[in-house]
Protein backbone atom coordinates (compact mmCIF):
# COMPACT_ATOMS: atom_id res chain seq x y z
CA UNK A 1 111.65 84.07 88.64
CA UNK A 2 114.05 82.01 89.78
CA UNK A 3 114.21 81.32 93.55
CA UNK A 4 117.32 82.98 94.70
CA UNK A 5 115.94 86.10 93.47
CA UNK A 6 112.50 85.90 94.30
CA UNK A 7 113.93 85.10 98.19
CA UNK A 8 116.46 88.44 98.17
CA UNK A 9 113.35 90.42 96.74
CA UNK A 10 110.67 89.13 99.36
CA UNK A 11 113.76 89.58 102.23
CA UNK A 12 114.46 93.39 100.95
CA UNK A 13 110.80 94.13 100.88
CA UNK A 14 110.48 92.47 104.43
CA UNK A 15 113.37 94.73 105.32
CA UNK A 16 112.30 98.00 103.76
CA UNK A 17 109.22 97.56 105.58
CA UNK A 18 110.82 96.19 108.91
CA UNK A 19 112.86 99.75 108.78
CA UNK A 20 109.34 101.79 108.51
CA UNK A 21 107.54 100.43 111.34
CA UNK A 22 110.46 100.50 113.63
CA UNK A 23 109.64 104.22 112.62
CA UNK A 24 106.36 104.35 113.38
CA UNK A 25 107.32 102.35 116.67
CA UNK A 26 110.38 104.12 118.07
CA UNK A 27 110.85 103.16 121.61
CA UNK A 28 109.23 106.18 124.04
CA UNK A 29 110.95 107.92 127.10
CA UNK A 30 107.55 109.08 128.65
CA UNK A 31 104.38 107.36 130.43
CA UNK A 32 103.38 105.79 127.63
CA UNK A 33 106.33 103.66 126.74
CA UNK A 34 104.53 100.40 128.08
CA UNK A 35 102.34 100.47 125.07
CA UNK A 36 104.52 100.91 122.62
CA UNK A 37 106.67 98.35 124.18
CA UNK A 38 103.83 95.88 123.76
CA UNK A 39 102.70 97.27 120.21
CA UNK A 40 106.61 96.31 118.92
CA UNK A 41 106.91 92.82 120.59
CA UNK A 42 104.21 91.52 118.38
CA UNK A 43 104.73 93.06 115.91
CA UNK A 44 108.44 92.12 115.76
CA UNK A 45 107.46 88.71 116.58
CA UNK A 46 107.84 87.65 113.15
CA UNK A 47 105.67 87.20 110.81
CA UNK A 48 105.36 87.19 106.66
CA UNK A 49 105.08 90.59 105.99
CA UNK A 50 102.60 88.84 103.67
CA UNK A 51 100.09 92.01 103.39
CA UNK A 52 102.71 94.82 102.96
CA UNK A 53 104.51 92.96 100.49
CA UNK A 54 101.42 92.38 98.60
CA UNK A 55 100.32 95.91 98.84
CA UNK A 56 104.12 97.53 97.82
CA UNK A 57 104.16 95.07 95.00
CA UNK A 58 100.52 95.61 93.66
CA UNK A 59 101.83 99.30 93.58
CA UNK A 60 104.42 98.61 91.79
CA UNK A 61 102.67 96.59 89.39
CA UNK A 62 100.96 99.52 88.74
CA UNK A 63 104.13 102.25 88.10
CA UNK A 64 103.75 103.34 91.51
CA UNK A 65 106.66 104.34 94.15
CA UNK A 66 107.06 102.40 96.96
CA UNK A 67 107.30 105.33 99.53
CA UNK A 68 103.81 106.75 98.62
CA UNK A 69 102.43 103.11 98.90
CA UNK A 70 104.49 102.20 102.44
CA UNK A 71 102.39 103.90 104.81
CA UNK A 72 99.70 102.00 103.52
CA UNK A 73 101.99 98.60 103.73
CA UNK A 74 102.85 99.57 107.26
CA UNK A 75 99.12 100.14 108.46
CA UNK A 76 98.61 96.93 107.25
CA UNK A 77 100.32 94.77 108.80
CA UNK A 78 99.70 96.87 112.24
CA UNK A 79 96.13 96.07 111.27
CA UNK A 80 97.00 92.41 110.82
CA UNK A 81 98.72 92.23 114.07
CA UNK A 82 96.11 94.23 116.24
CA UNK A 83 93.97 91.76 114.88
CA UNK A 84 96.13 88.78 115.84
CA UNK A 85 96.44 90.32 119.58
CA UNK A 86 92.42 90.13 120.13
CA UNK A 87 92.28 87.01 118.35
CA UNK A 88 94.23 85.28 120.85
CA UNK A 89 92.56 86.77 123.85
CA UNK A 90 91.10 84.36 126.74
CA UNK A 91 87.76 85.67 125.53
CA UNK A 92 88.46 84.22 121.65
CA UNK A 93 90.65 81.87 120.86
CA UNK A 94 92.50 81.69 124.44
CA UNK A 95 96.19 80.69 122.78
CA UNK A 96 98.89 81.40 125.03
CA UNK A 97 101.87 80.81 121.45
CA UNK A 98 102.22 82.83 118.81
CA UNK A 99 105.16 82.79 116.29
CA UNK A 100 106.83 80.56 118.78
CA UNK A 101 106.51 83.28 121.78
CA UNK A 102 103.99 84.02 124.72
CA UNK A 103 100.94 85.96 123.11
CA UNK A 104 100.85 89.53 124.31
CA UNK A 105 98.14 88.77 126.98
CA UNK A 106 100.46 86.11 128.90
CA UNK A 107 103.02 88.19 128.26
CA UNK A 108 101.70 92.05 129.30
CA UNK A 109 98.39 90.97 130.77
CA UNK A 110 94.81 91.19 129.38
CA UNK A 111 94.28 94.76 129.67
CA UNK A 112 97.37 95.60 128.03
CA UNK A 113 96.83 93.44 125.18
CA UNK A 114 93.06 94.49 124.00
CA UNK A 115 95.12 98.58 124.55
CA UNK A 116 97.79 97.39 122.36
CA UNK A 117 95.52 95.98 119.98
CA UNK A 118 93.33 99.25 120.09
CA UNK A 119 96.19 101.32 119.94
CA UNK A 120 97.57 99.42 116.57
CA UNK A 121 94.74 100.08 114.66
CA UNK A 122 94.33 103.64 115.87
CA UNK A 123 98.14 103.90 114.45
CA UNK A 124 97.61 102.52 111.25
CA UNK A 125 95.07 105.35 110.62
CA UNK A 126 97.58 107.77 111.63
CA UNK A 127 100.52 106.39 109.62
CA UNK A 128 97.34 106.39 106.54
CA UNK A 129 96.32 110.11 107.24
CA UNK A 130 99.90 111.10 106.84
CA UNK A 131 100.21 110.39 103.44
CA UNK A 132 100.20 112.77 100.83
CA UNK A 133 99.02 110.58 97.88
CA UNK A 134 96.58 112.23 95.97
CA UNK A 135 94.87 108.78 96.10
CA UNK A 136 94.97 108.15 99.84
CA UNK A 137 91.56 109.00 100.60
CA UNK A 138 90.36 106.14 98.37
CA UNK A 139 92.85 103.87 99.95
CA UNK A 140 92.11 104.51 102.82
CA UNK A 141 88.27 103.91 102.86
CA UNK A 142 89.46 100.33 100.77
CA UNK A 143 90.99 99.13 104.44
CA UNK A 144 88.86 100.76 106.86
CA UNK A 145 85.85 98.67 104.90
CA UNK A 146 87.93 95.69 104.73
CA UNK A 147 89.22 95.45 108.68
CA UNK A 148 85.67 96.34 109.35
CA UNK A 149 82.28 95.12 109.84
CA UNK A 150 81.59 94.26 106.14
CA UNK A 151 85.17 92.77 106.25
CA UNK A 152 87.49 91.02 109.06
CA UNK A 153 85.69 91.82 111.59
CA UNK A 154 82.49 90.17 109.60
CA UNK A 155 84.42 87.20 109.19
CA UNK A 156 85.23 86.84 112.57
CA UNK A 157 81.54 87.14 114.44
CA UNK A 158 80.46 84.80 111.67
CA UNK A 159 83.01 82.26 112.20
CA UNK A 160 82.84 82.51 116.11
CA UNK A 161 78.69 81.78 115.94
CA UNK A 162 79.47 78.82 113.73
CA UNK A 163 81.71 76.91 115.88
CA UNK A 164 80.41 73.40 117.02
CA UNK A 165 77.78 73.76 114.26
CA UNK A 166 78.27 71.86 110.68
CA UNK A 167 77.98 73.74 107.65
CA UNK A 168 79.08 73.90 103.80
CA UNK A 169 81.40 74.72 102.32
CA UNK A 170 79.77 77.56 100.31
CA UNK A 171 79.55 79.24 103.93
CA UNK A 172 82.76 78.36 104.87
CA UNK A 173 84.49 80.23 102.18
CA UNK A 174 81.96 83.40 102.86
CA UNK A 175 83.41 83.46 106.20
CA UNK A 176 87.18 83.09 105.13
CA UNK A 177 86.93 85.67 102.02
CA UNK A 178 85.92 88.16 104.81
CA UNK A 179 88.01 87.01 108.00
CA UNK A 180 91.21 86.18 105.59
CA UNK A 181 90.54 87.36 102.12
CA UNK A 182 89.09 90.67 102.94
CA UNK A 183 92.35 92.33 104.03
CA UNK A 184 94.65 90.14 101.41
CA UNK A 185 92.15 91.39 99.42
CA UNK A 186 92.50 94.76 100.27
CA UNK A 187 96.24 95.22 100.37
CA UNK A 188 95.93 94.31 96.55
CA UNK A 189 93.37 96.80 95.84
CA UNK A 190 94.99 100.08 97.91
CA UNK A 191 98.43 99.30 96.22
CA UNK A 192 97.00 99.32 92.92
CA UNK A 193 94.92 102.74 93.72
CA UNK A 194 97.95 104.29 95.11
CA UNK A 195 100.09 103.22 91.92
CA UNK A 196 97.59 105.31 89.70
CA UNK A 197 96.37 101.61 88.21
CA UNK A 198 93.25 101.59 86.12
CA UNK A 199 90.01 99.93 87.12
CA UNK A 200 91.08 96.79 84.68
CA UNK A 201 94.34 96.89 87.06
CA UNK A 202 92.63 97.10 90.18
CA UNK A 203 89.65 94.43 89.08
CA UNK A 204 92.87 91.98 88.41
CA UNK A 205 94.57 92.46 91.11
CA UNK A 206 91.58 91.87 92.95
CA UNK A 207 90.87 88.70 91.25
CA UNK A 208 94.27 87.50 92.22
CA UNK A 209 94.00 88.52 95.86
CA UNK A 210 90.68 86.32 96.41
CA UNK A 211 91.68 83.35 95.09
CA UNK A 212 95.24 83.76 96.54
CA UNK A 213 93.37 84.46 100.11
CA UNK A 214 91.43 80.91 99.46
CA UNK A 215 94.67 79.03 98.45
CA UNK A 216 96.19 80.49 101.63
CA UNK A 217 93.55 79.82 104.27
CA UNK A 218 93.06 76.32 102.99
CA UNK A 219 97.36 76.19 103.48
CA UNK A 220 96.83 77.14 106.68
CA UNK A 221 93.75 74.41 107.54
CA UNK A 222 95.99 71.89 106.05
CA UNK A 223 99.13 72.73 108.05
CA UNK A 224 96.93 72.86 111.62
CA UNK A 225 96.95 68.84 110.97
CA UNK A 226 99.94 68.08 109.22
CA UNK A 227 102.62 70.81 110.69
CA UNK A 228 104.28 70.67 113.92
CA UNK A 229 104.26 73.13 116.79
CA UNK A 230 107.70 73.81 115.78
CA UNK A 231 107.14 74.60 112.26
CA UNK A 232 104.17 76.93 113.29
CA UNK A 233 105.12 78.43 116.33
CA UNK A 234 101.96 77.45 117.79
CA UNK A 235 99.97 73.94 119.29
CA UNK A 236 98.99 72.23 116.22
CA UNK A 237 94.84 70.82 116.33
CA UNK A 238 93.96 73.84 117.78
CA UNK A 239 91.08 74.58 115.33
CA UNK A 240 89.96 70.73 115.70
CA UNK A 241 89.84 71.60 119.63
CA UNK A 242 87.99 74.72 119.66
CA UNK A 243 85.41 72.90 117.25
CA UNK A 244 85.75 75.47 114.36
CA UNK A 245 85.21 74.27 110.44
CA UNK A 246 87.76 74.31 108.14
CA UNK A 247 88.66 73.06 104.66
CA UNK A 248 89.89 69.82 105.67
CA UNK A 249 87.26 68.99 108.18
CA UNK A 250 84.67 69.65 105.40
CA UNK A 251 86.37 67.98 102.34
CA UNK A 252 89.20 65.98 103.93
CA UNK A 253 92.71 66.25 103.35
CA UNK A 254 93.35 65.07 99.70
CA UNK A 255 90.64 67.68 98.47
CA UNK A 256 92.21 70.40 100.10
CA UNK A 257 95.12 69.85 98.15
CA UNK A 258 93.68 69.96 95.36
CA UNK A 259 91.83 73.45 96.17
CA UNK A 260 95.05 74.62 96.83
CA UNK A 261 96.20 73.63 93.85
CA UNK A 262 93.06 75.02 91.66
CA UNK A 263 92.99 78.73 93.31
CA UNK A 264 96.30 79.41 93.24
CA UNK A 265 96.47 78.34 89.70
CA UNK A 266 93.26 81.19 89.33
CA UNK A 267 95.00 83.67 90.96
CA UNK A 268 98.26 83.45 88.79
CA UNK A 269 96.05 83.17 85.56
CA UNK A 270 94.56 86.67 86.91
CA UNK A 271 98.12 88.30 87.16
CA UNK A 272 98.68 87.18 83.32
CA UNK A 273 97.74 91.07 82.04
CA UNK A 274 100.72 92.58 83.79
CA UNK A 275 103.02 90.15 82.14
CA UNK A 276 106.66 90.16 83.41
CA UNK A 277 105.79 93.30 85.64
CA UNK A 278 103.78 90.13 87.85
CA UNK A 279 106.81 87.48 87.67
CA UNK A 280 107.04 88.19 91.49
CA UNK A 281 103.16 87.65 92.85
CA UNK A 282 103.33 85.01 90.84
CA UNK A 283 106.06 83.19 92.51
CA UNK A 284 104.41 84.71 95.43
CA UNK A 285 101.78 82.37 95.22
CA UNK A 286 103.96 79.30 94.58
CA UNK A 287 105.82 80.31 97.95
CA UNK A 288 102.94 80.73 99.89
CA UNK A 289 100.69 77.60 99.01
CA UNK A 290 104.04 75.68 99.47
CA UNK A 291 105.06 76.85 102.51
CA UNK A 292 105.40 74.74 105.97
CA UNK A 293 104.99 77.62 108.45
C-alpha cells in the first residue's frame, strides 16, 4: 500500500472514530458536566486511535460494516484512556505529563481523575450494550475479559510486583501479553466477531495482534531510551527511574531492535490468508513499529 494512501485511510478512520466518541462524550448542561469535561480532556488529548483502528479494520477484513463495529471501537478507546488516567495517578506511575499535556489528576485533581477513569470504563460498556449486532454479546465478553483480571489489570498488577526485581524475558513477555497485548488482541478478535469472521479468521487476526502487541511494546521500550520528551509528550527514561523491567534493560538496545523486526514479521505473516484485504493492517504494522512517538 502506498504511503499516502495508507496515511489518508488512517487519518479518515481516526477522524470517524473521534466523531463517534464526541457523540458519547458530548458536553452536558447539567450538574454532571464536570465529569464529562474530565473524560473528554483525556480522550481528546491526542493518541493514535490504534485500538479502534485495529477493531474497525479487523471487522472490514472479515466483511463486516463499520457502522456495527464503531460502538466497540469507541469502547476500546475509552477503556484504553481510562487505563492511562489511572496509570498516571500518584499511587501508580505518578506522571505529570501525557501526550504533552498535564495528566488528568494534575488538571482536575486526583478524585476527579479517578472518577473520570471509572466513568470511561462504564461508558465503554454502555456503548457496546447499545449495539444491535447479533454478535455483540460475544464481542463484549472478549473485551471484558481482556480488560480485566485475566488481561490488562492482571498484567498491571504483575508488572507492579516485578518493579525493582530481576525477571527473565519470559516473565516480561507474560506481563506485556496481558498489560498491553490483551487489549490489542481483543480489538482484533472483537472486530472479527462483529464482522462475522470464521473461527479461522478470528484465530489468524489474534495471532497477528499478539505479535504486533509484542513488537509495539518493545518499540515503546526503545523509545523510552532513545526518544525525546517533545516526540513522546512525556518524560523519557521514566521506566528506568521507576525500576521497571523493559526489553532494553533485559536484552539491550540492539537485540530489542532485532526483536521488533522479528515480531512485526510474524504479525504480517499471520495476515497472509487475507491477501489484499489486509494490506492496510500490514502497512499499519510497519508504521507502528517504525514510529518515533
